[in-house]
C-alpha atoms as a PDB file:
ATOM      1  CA  MET A   1      79.021 136.838 -95.275  1.00  0.00           C
ATOM      2  CA  PRO A   2      78.162 139.260 -98.238  1.00  0.00           C
ATOM      3  CA  SER A   3      81.945 140.695 -98.038  1.00  0.00           C
ATOM      4  CA  ARG A   4      82.999 136.550 -98.745  1.00  0.00           C
ATOM      5  CA  ILE A   5      80.835 136.535-101.983  1.00  0.00           C
ATOM      6  CA  LEU A   6      82.058 139.779-103.250  1.00  0.00           C
ATOM      7  CA  PHE A   7      85.792 138.470-102.314  1.00  0.00           C
ATOM      8  CA  ALA A   8      84.971 134.899-104.259  1.00  0.00           C
ATOM      9  CA  VAL A   9      83.784 136.777-107.342  1.00  0.00           C
ATOM     10  CA  ALA A  10      86.602 138.714-107.667  1.00  0.00           C
ATOM     11  CA  LEU A  11      88.991 136.107-107.432  1.00  0.00           C
ATOM     12  CA  VAL A  12      87.502 134.629-109.964  1.00  0.00           C
ATOM     13  CA  LEU A  13      86.974 137.435-112.463  1.00  0.00           C
ATOM     14  CA  ALA A  14      90.894 138.040-111.404  1.00  0.00           C
ATOM     15  CA  SER A  15      91.901 134.587-112.473  1.00  0.00           C
ATOM     16  CA  GLY A  16      89.864 134.555-115.527  1.00  0.00           C
ATOM     17  CA  ALA A  17      92.087 137.730-116.490  1.00  0.00           C
ATOM     18  CA  ALA A  18      95.240 136.269-115.880  1.00  0.00           C
ATOM     19  CA  LEU A  19      94.474 133.148-117.601  1.00  0.00           C
ATOM     20  CA  SER A  20      93.482 135.184-120.571  1.00  0.00           C
ATOM     21  CA  LYS A  21      96.982 137.216-120.521  1.00  0.00           C
ATOM     22  CA  MET A  22      98.708 133.646-121.105  1.00  0.00           C
ATOM     23  CA  SER A  23     100.497 133.268-124.441  1.00  0.00           C
ATOM     24  CA  GLU A  24      99.719 130.143-126.120  1.00  0.00           C
ATOM     25  CA  CYS A  25     103.495 128.923-125.592  1.00  0.00           C
ATOM     26  CA  GLU A  26     103.026 128.947-121.704  1.00  0.00           C
ATOM     27  CA  ALA A  27      99.659 127.365-121.771  1.00  0.00           C
ATOM     28  CA  ASP A  28     101.540 124.707-123.405  1.00  0.00           C
ATOM     29  CA  CYS A  29     103.740 124.728-120.649  1.00  0.00           C
ATOM     30  CA  GLU A  30     101.114 124.585-118.247  1.00  0.00           C
ATOM     31  CA  ASP A  31      99.874 121.027-120.118  1.00  0.00           C
ATOM     32  CA  VAL A  32     102.843 119.608-119.941  1.00  0.00           C
ATOM     33  CA  TYR A  33     103.491 120.816-116.131  1.00  0.00           C
ATOM     34  CA  LYS A  34     100.146 119.127-115.280  1.00  0.00           C
ATOM     35  CA  ALA A  35     100.733 115.926-117.258  1.00  0.00           C
ATOM     36  CA  CYS A  36     104.263 115.925-115.394  1.00  0.00           C
ATOM     37  CA  VAL A  37     103.057 115.393-112.173  1.00  0.00           C
ATOM     38  CA  THR A  38      99.940 113.244-112.902  1.00  0.00           C
ATOM     39  CA  SER A  39     102.248 111.100-114.568  1.00  0.00           C
ATOM     40  CA  GLY A  40     104.675 110.745-111.497  1.00  0.00           C
ATOM     41  CA  LYS A  41     107.408 110.211-113.213  1.00  0.00           C
ATOM     42  CA  MET A  42     109.114 112.898-111.457  1.00  0.00           C
ATOM     43  CA  SER A  43     108.806 114.971-108.388  1.00  0.00           C
ATOM     44  CA  GLU A  44     106.499 117.975-108.405  1.00  0.00           C
ATOM     45  CA  ARG A  45     109.285 120.258-107.496  1.00  0.00           C
ATOM     46  CA  ALA A  46     111.153 118.635-110.591  1.00  0.00           C
ATOM     47  CA  CYS A  47     107.891 119.075-112.793  1.00  0.00           C
ATOM     48  CA  MET A  48     108.148 122.723-111.311  1.00  0.00           C
ATOM     49  CA  VAL A  49     111.793 123.489-112.635  1.00  0.00           C
ATOM     50  CA  GLU A  50     111.007 122.101-115.636  1.00  0.00           C
ATOM     51  CA  LEU A  51     107.835 124.373-115.967  1.00  0.00           C
ATOM     52  CA  GLU A  52     110.032 127.466-115.253  1.00  0.00           C
ATOM     53  CA  LYS A  53     112.632 126.542-117.804  1.00  0.00           C
ATOM     54  CA  CYS A  54     109.630 126.243-120.143  1.00  0.00           C
ATOM     55  CA  ARG A  55     108.385 129.810-119.232  1.00  0.00           C
ATOM     56  CA  ARG A  56     111.567 131.354-119.636  1.00  0.00           C
ATOM     57  CA  ALA A  57     111.980 129.953-123.153  1.00  0.00           C
ATOM     58  CA  CYS A  58     108.656 131.324-124.017  1.00  0.00           C
ATOM     59  CA  LEU A  59     109.793 134.626-122.832  1.00  0.00           C
ATOM     60  CA  LYS A  60     112.991 134.494-124.949  1.00  0.00           C
ATOM     61  CA  GLU A  61     110.875 133.194-128.129  1.00  0.00           C
ATOM     62  CA  THR A  62     108.793 136.496-128.078  1.00  0.00           C
ATOM     63  CA  PRO A  63     110.034 139.854-128.239  1.00  0.00           C
ATOM     64  CA  SER A  64     107.594 141.399-126.375  1.00  0.00           C
ATOM     65  CA  GLY A  65     108.016 139.168-123.581  1.00  0.00           C
ATOM     66  CA  GLY A  66     104.671 137.369-123.655  1.00  0.00           C
END
């Protein structure tokens, strides 16, 4: 049981670190994706494709790649 708690804590900390590394552009892409999925105008797969296009555009926009 304690190993499950430690795993959960590690997972939460890792996800927090991943979110802090996300650029503002990528965060905007995530917001657009969430809005796309909740609106229901496109399929989840189509929204995911748009998210990936947005992320690629962010990478091209910033010379450092992130």
